[in-house]
Protein backbone atom coordinates (compact mmCIF):
# COMPACT_ATOMS: atom_id res chain seq x y z
CA MET A 1 -37.76 -20.84 -49.39
CA TYR A 2 -40.11 -21.42 -46.45
CA SER A 3 -41.98 -24.67 -46.01
CA LEU A 4 -43.06 -26.80 -43.10
CA VAL A 5 -40.25 -29.21 -43.96
CA SER A 6 -37.76 -26.35 -43.61
CA ALA A 7 -39.43 -24.76 -40.56
CA PRO A 8 -36.01 -24.21 -38.90
CA VAL A 9 -35.23 -21.70 -41.67
CA LEU A 10 -38.51 -19.86 -41.07
CA GLY A 11 -37.77 -19.99 -37.35
CA PHE A 12 -34.30 -18.50 -37.92
CA ASP A 13 -35.87 -15.53 -39.67
CA LEU A 14 -38.67 -15.08 -37.15
CA THR A 15 -36.30 -15.21 -34.17
CA ARG A 16 -34.46 -12.20 -35.66
CA LEU A 17 -37.55 -10.09 -36.51
CA GLU A 18 -39.36 -7.82 -34.03
CA GLY A 19 -42.69 -9.32 -35.04
CA GLY A 20 -41.34 -12.86 -35.19
CA PRO A 21 -42.92 -14.23 -32.00
CA ALA A 22 -46.33 -12.87 -33.06
CA ALA A 23 -45.95 -14.39 -36.53
CA ALA A 24 -45.00 -17.68 -34.88
CA GLU A 25 -48.22 -17.51 -32.85
CA VAL A 26 -50.25 -17.14 -36.05
CA MET A 27 -48.49 -20.17 -37.49
CA LEU A 28 -49.09 -22.19 -34.33
CA ARG A 29 -52.80 -21.39 -34.27
CA ALA A 30 -53.07 -22.08 -38.00
CA LEU A 31 -51.46 -25.51 -37.55
CA ARG A 32 -54.26 -26.43 -35.10
CA LEU A 33 -57.24 -25.21 -37.14
CA GLN A 34 -60.06 -27.61 -37.91
CA SER A 35 -62.81 -27.50 -40.53
CA GLY A 36 -65.33 -26.04 -38.09
CA ASP A 37 -63.04 -23.05 -37.51
CA LEU A 38 -63.03 -21.93 -41.13
CA PRO A 39 -66.41 -20.13 -41.17
CA VAL A 40 -65.46 -18.21 -38.00
CA LEU A 41 -62.36 -16.90 -39.74
CA ALA A 42 -64.02 -16.38 -43.11
CA GLU A 43 -66.79 -14.14 -41.84
CA ARG A 44 -64.23 -11.73 -40.36
CA LEU A 45 -62.27 -11.21 -43.57
CA PRO A 46 -62.61 -7.53 -44.57
CA ASP A 47 -64.05 -6.63 -47.95
CA GLU A 48 -61.65 -6.36 -50.86
CA ASN A 49 -62.04 -2.57 -51.00
CA VAL A 50 -60.58 -2.52 -47.47
CA ARG A 51 -57.87 -5.15 -48.02
CA GLY A 52 -56.74 -3.83 -51.41
CA PRO A 53 -55.12 -0.61 -50.14
CA LEU A 54 -53.64 -2.47 -47.16
CA TRP A 55 -51.91 -4.94 -49.44
CA VAL A 56 -50.54 -2.09 -51.55
CA GLU A 57 -48.85 -0.99 -48.32
CA VAL A 58 -47.69 -4.58 -47.69
CA GLU A 59 -46.03 -4.78 -51.08
CA SER A 60 -44.31 -1.45 -50.53
CA ALA A 61 -43.15 -2.47 -47.05
CA ALA A 62 -41.83 -5.80 -48.31
CA ARG A 63 -39.54 -3.90 -50.65
CA ARG A 64 -38.17 -1.99 -47.65
CA MET A 65 -37.22 -5.10 -45.71
CA PRO A 66 -33.47 -5.40 -45.14
CA THR A 67 -31.75 -7.66 -47.64
CA LEU A 68 -28.22 -8.92 -47.99
CA LYS A 69 -28.16 -7.36 -51.46
CA GLY A 70 -28.53 -3.95 -49.84
CA MET A 71 -25.24 -4.20 -47.97
CA SER A 72 -22.74 -1.40 -48.42
CA LYS A 73 -19.06 -2.31 -48.51
CA ASP A 74 -18.32 1.11 -47.02
CA ASP A 75 -20.20 0.37 -43.79
CA PRO A 76 -18.85 -2.79 -42.09
CA ALA A 77 -20.81 -2.11 -38.89
CA GLY A 78 -23.98 -1.68 -40.91
CA ASN A 79 -23.20 -4.85 -42.81
CA LEU A 80 -23.02 -6.84 -39.58
CA ALA A 81 -26.32 -5.43 -38.34
CA LEU A 82 -27.90 -6.26 -41.69
CA VAL A 83 -26.60 -9.83 -41.73
CA GLU A 84 -27.98 -10.32 -38.22
CA ARG A 85 -31.47 -9.16 -39.18
CA ALA A 86 -31.94 -9.77 -42.91
CA PRO A 87 -34.34 -12.68 -43.57
CA ILE A 88 -33.29 -15.61 -45.69
CA GLY A 89 -36.83 -15.95 -47.01
CA SER A 90 -39.44 -13.43 -48.09
CA VAL A 91 -43.05 -12.38 -47.61
CA ASP A 92 -44.03 -14.37 -50.70
CA ALA A 93 -42.37 -17.47 -49.28
CA LEU A 94 -44.23 -17.01 -45.99
CA LEU A 95 -47.57 -16.69 -47.79
CA THR A 96 -46.87 -19.74 -49.95
CA CYS A 97 -46.06 -21.78 -46.83
CA LEU A 98 -49.31 -20.70 -45.17
CA ARG A 99 -51.53 -21.28 -48.19
CA TYR A 100 -50.15 -24.54 -49.49
CA ASP A 101 -48.38 -26.21 -46.53
CA VAL A 102 -50.17 -25.13 -43.36
CA MET A 103 -53.58 -25.08 -45.07
CA SER A 104 -52.90 -28.02 -47.39
CA TRP A 105 -55.81 -29.97 -45.90
CA THR A 106 -58.30 -27.38 -47.19
CA TRP A 107 -57.48 -27.94 -50.87
CA GLU A 108 -59.32 -30.35 -53.14
CA GLY A 109 -57.92 -31.59 -56.44
CA THR A 110 -54.33 -31.43 -57.66
CA GLY A 111 -52.16 -29.09 -59.64
CA ARG A 112 -53.92 -26.28 -61.45
CA ASP A 113 -57.27 -27.89 -60.74
CA ALA A 114 -56.83 -27.59 -56.96
CA ARG A 115 -59.48 -25.44 -55.31
CA GLN A 116 -60.52 -24.28 -51.86
CA SER A 117 -64.06 -23.71 -50.68
CA GLU A 118 -65.11 -20.08 -50.22
CA ASP A 119 -64.76 -20.40 -46.45
CA ALA A 120 -61.33 -22.01 -46.70
CA ALA A 121 -60.06 -19.38 -49.15
CA ALA A 122 -61.34 -16.52 -46.98
CA ALA A 123 -59.93 -18.10 -43.80
CA THR A 124 -56.56 -18.53 -45.49
CA ALA A 125 -56.62 -14.90 -46.61
CA LEU A 126 -57.27 -13.78 -43.03
CA LEU A 127 -54.31 -15.86 -41.85
CA CYS A 128 -52.12 -14.21 -44.47
CA ASP A 129 -53.23 -10.75 -43.33
CA ALA A 130 -52.27 -11.53 -39.74
CA ALA A 131 -48.98 -13.19 -40.62
CA VAL A 132 -47.69 -10.34 -42.79
CA ALA A 133 -48.77 -7.75 -40.22
CA SER A 134 -46.38 -9.40 -37.77
CA TYR A 135 -43.64 -10.42 -40.21
CA LEU A 136 -43.35 -6.86 -41.56
CA ARG A 137 -43.76 -5.15 -38.21
CA GLU A 138 -40.52 -3.21 -38.56
CA VAL A 139 -41.46 -1.63 -41.89
CA LEU A 140 -45.28 -1.26 -41.72
CA ASP A 141 -46.90 1.73 -40.09
CA GLU A 142 -48.91 1.01 -36.95
CA GLU A 143 -52.32 1.80 -38.46
CA THR A 144 -51.79 -0.59 -41.39
CA ARG A 145 -50.62 -3.34 -39.03
CA ARG A 146 -53.63 -2.84 -36.78
CA ARG A 147 -56.11 -2.97 -39.65
CA LEU A 148 -54.43 -6.03 -41.18
CA GLY A 149 -54.58 -7.92 -37.91
CA ALA A 150 -58.00 -6.76 -36.69
CA GLY A 151 -59.99 -9.56 -38.32
CA TRP A 152 -57.67 -12.24 -36.96
CA VAL A 153 -57.74 -10.80 -33.43
CA SER A 154 -61.54 -10.76 -33.55
CA ALA A 155 -61.75 -14.30 -34.94
CA VAL A 156 -59.35 -15.79 -32.37
CA ARG A 157 -61.63 -14.56 -29.59
CA LYS A 158 -64.51 -16.53 -31.13
CA LEU A 159 -62.61 -19.70 -31.97
CA PRO A 160 -62.85 -22.68 -29.64
CA SER A 161 -59.65 -23.35 -27.74
CA GLY A 162 -58.92 -26.22 -30.10
CA PRO A 163 -56.72 -29.23 -29.48
CA PRO A 164 -53.50 -28.74 -27.51
CA ILE A 165 -50.29 -28.46 -29.47
CA ASP A 166 -49.07 -31.99 -30.19
CA LEU A 167 -45.31 -32.33 -30.01
CA GLY A 168 -45.36 -36.03 -30.82
CA PRO A 169 -44.14 -39.07 -28.88
CA HIS A 170 -41.45 -37.02 -27.15
CA HIS A 171 -43.83 -34.22 -26.17
CA TYR A 172 -42.67 -33.98 -22.57
CA THR A 173 -38.99 -33.83 -23.42
CA VAL A 174 -39.50 -31.13 -26.05
CA SER A 175 -41.67 -29.21 -23.59
CA ALA A 176 -39.04 -29.59 -20.87
CA LEU A 177 -36.38 -28.01 -23.09
CA LEU A 178 -38.70 -25.15 -24.04
CA ASP A 179 -39.58 -24.57 -20.39
CA ARG A 180 -35.90 -24.58 -19.48
CA LEU A 181 -35.22 -21.93 -22.12
CA ARG A 182 -38.09 -19.71 -20.97
CA THR A 183 -36.54 -19.48 -17.50
CA LEU A 184 -32.89 -18.83 -18.40
CA ARG A 185 -30.85 -16.80 -15.95
CA PRO A 186 -28.08 -14.45 -17.17
CA GLU A 187 -25.41 -17.05 -16.44
CA ASP A 188 -27.45 -19.63 -18.40
CA ARG A 189 -27.61 -17.32 -21.41
CA GLN A 190 -23.84 -16.96 -21.28
CA ARG A 191 -23.38 -20.74 -21.23
CA VAL A 192 -25.76 -21.09 -24.18
CA SER A 193 -23.77 -18.52 -26.13
CA THR A 194 -20.46 -20.16 -25.27
CA SER A 195 -21.72 -23.61 -26.24
CA ALA A 196 -22.99 -22.24 -29.55
CA ASP A 197 -19.58 -20.67 -30.24
CA ASP A 198 -17.91 -24.01 -29.54
CA ALA A 199 -20.38 -25.80 -31.82
CA ARG A 200 -19.79 -23.28 -34.59
CA ARG A 201 -16.07 -23.95 -34.47
CA ASN A 202 -16.74 -27.68 -34.79
CA THR A 203 -19.31 -28.05 -37.55
CA ALA A 204 -18.24 -31.53 -38.67
CA GLY A 205 -21.28 -33.71 -39.08
CA TRP A 206 -23.79 -31.03 -38.04
CA SER A 207 -25.47 -30.45 -41.43
CA PRO A 208 -25.90 -34.18 -42.19
CA ALA A 209 -27.34 -34.66 -38.70
CA VAL A 210 -29.91 -31.89 -39.21
CA HIS A 211 -30.76 -33.32 -42.61
CA SER A 212 -31.27 -36.77 -41.07
CA ALA A 213 -33.58 -35.34 -38.42
CA SER A 214 -35.62 -33.41 -40.99
CA TRP A 215 -35.84 -36.45 -43.24
CA ALA A 216 -36.98 -38.58 -40.31
CA ALA A 217 -39.73 -36.05 -39.56
CA TYR A 218 -40.88 -36.24 -43.16
CA LEU A 219 -40.87 -40.04 -43.33
CA SER A 220 -42.71 -40.37 -40.02
CA ASP A 221 -45.38 -37.79 -40.90
CA ARG A 222 -44.19 -35.48 -38.12
CA VAL A 223 -43.53 -32.46 -40.33
CA ARG A 224 -46.34 -30.41 -38.80
CA THR A 225 -45.28 -31.54 -35.33
CA ALA A 226 -41.70 -30.47 -35.95
CA ALA A 227 -42.86 -27.14 -37.40
CA ALA A 228 -44.96 -26.45 -34.30
CA ALA A 229 -41.95 -27.20 -32.11
CA GLN A 230 -39.82 -24.73 -34.07
CA MET A 231 -42.47 -21.99 -33.73
CA LEU A 232 -42.62 -22.61 -29.98
CA LEU A 233 -38.84 -22.33 -29.93
CA VAL A 234 -39.06 -18.88 -31.55
CA GLN A 235 -41.25 -17.76 -28.66
CA ALA A 236 -39.12 -19.45 -26.01
CA VAL A 237 -35.93 -17.80 -27.29
CA ASP A 238 -37.70 -14.44 -27.21
CA THR A 239 -38.91 -15.02 -23.64
CA ALA A 240 -35.38 -16.06 -22.65
CA GLY A 241 -34.04 -12.70 -23.78
CA ILE A 242 -31.21 -14.22 -25.80
CA PRO A 243 -29.49 -11.31 -27.62
CA LEU A 244 -30.10 -10.92 -31.33
CA ALA A 245 -26.40 -11.22 -32.15
CA ASP A 246 -26.24 -14.56 -30.34
CA ARG A 247 -29.34 -15.87 -32.12
CA ALA A 248 -27.83 -14.95 -35.48
CA GLY A 249 -24.37 -16.13 -34.48
CA GLY A 250 -25.20 -19.76 -33.80
CA VAL A 251 -27.56 -20.06 -30.83
CA TRP A 252 -30.64 -20.50 -33.01
CA ASN A 253 -29.01 -23.21 -35.11
CA MET A 254 -27.87 -25.08 -32.01
CA LEU A 255 -31.27 -24.95 -30.29
CA SER A 256 -33.22 -25.58 -33.47
CA GLY A 257 -31.17 -28.66 -34.27
CA ALA A 258 -31.77 -30.00 -30.77
CA VAL A 259 -35.53 -29.46 -31.01
CA GLN A 260 -35.62 -31.15 -34.41
CA ALA A 261 -33.72 -34.11 -32.98
CA LEU A 262 -36.03 -34.43 -29.98
CA VAL A 263 -39.16 -34.59 -32.15
CA VAL A 264 -37.79 -37.70 -33.91
CA ARG A 265 -35.47 -38.98 -31.20
CA ASP A 266 -36.81 -42.54 -31.46
CA LEU A 267 -35.89 -42.65 -35.15
CA LEU A 268 -32.34 -41.30 -35.00
CA ASP A 269 -29.16 -43.31 -34.56
CA THR A 270 -27.19 -42.58 -31.42
CA ALA A 271 -24.43 -40.62 -33.16
CA THR A 272 -26.86 -38.28 -34.92
CA ALA A 273 -28.89 -37.62 -31.79
CA HIS A 274 -25.72 -36.98 -29.80
CA ARG A 275 -24.37 -34.54 -32.41
CA LEU A 276 -27.51 -32.40 -32.21
CA LEU A 277 -28.23 -32.66 -28.49
CA ALA A 278 -24.77 -32.59 -26.91
CA PRO A 279 -24.14 -28.82 -27.30
CA VAL A 280 -27.43 -27.98 -25.55
CA VAL A 281 -26.77 -30.52 -22.78
CA ALA A 282 -23.36 -28.92 -22.31
CA ALA A 283 -25.02 -25.52 -21.91
CA LEU A 284 -28.07 -26.38 -19.84
CA GLY A 285 -27.23 -29.67 -18.15
CA PRO A 286 -29.09 -32.97 -18.72
CA ALA A 287 -32.05 -32.60 -16.33
CA TRP A 288 -34.53 -31.55 -19.05
CA LEU A 289 -33.54 -34.45 -21.30
CA GLY A 290 -35.21 -37.11 -19.19
């Protein structure tokens, strides 16, 4: 369900989870790792006799995550709260994305013969520990979360700063939108919500436009760039204080579509770019667009 190609879906789930911004930070740092970073991560992976019991807790917690299947027809209010928070994907999907998409460059060989070096496998395992600790924040006890994330926290302190996040040829425009979101005033948040409501009532052409933008990212080898932009959006929406109901009710889709369009703006036809960007321009004005 999760992949770098479908990062907007992962972002939609993370923007509705308490630990979502922290999980997005793990993804962002993972997207910037280089080969020299792997030993630093690997040496901080706890022994299996430590990780084993922690992952028993992870599996139990994952079963306690809200799901749409758990809805009760007798509790409409509860149903709404569940729909707002219940992830589309799963822990397994998150781990698969990390291991095989984000860390794809660490694998050698193909298919069943594909292998990672010991350092790469251990580094990937440490990433998975940190990601699930954040993703399952609402259902894991604090001690388990702390122990799962301890190795990652220690490793990050020792890692070099690494390259800056690359948002592609339209870096400054994407950054300008994210900066604008981080500094929203209450009246701005209301305009964003209103614009999202208007967009939701007029969905004609929206899905094909998003598909075109995602396909353009794939063809232009900007999948990782687009994924990074979506993870930064998760954090910007959190900083903006946009209410959970608004995120679930259309604001995320509107903003995510705009970010996806900006990453590949040079490759989109005018109509597609306009369809994805116009609602955000209506809400926030055109100054950030450049």
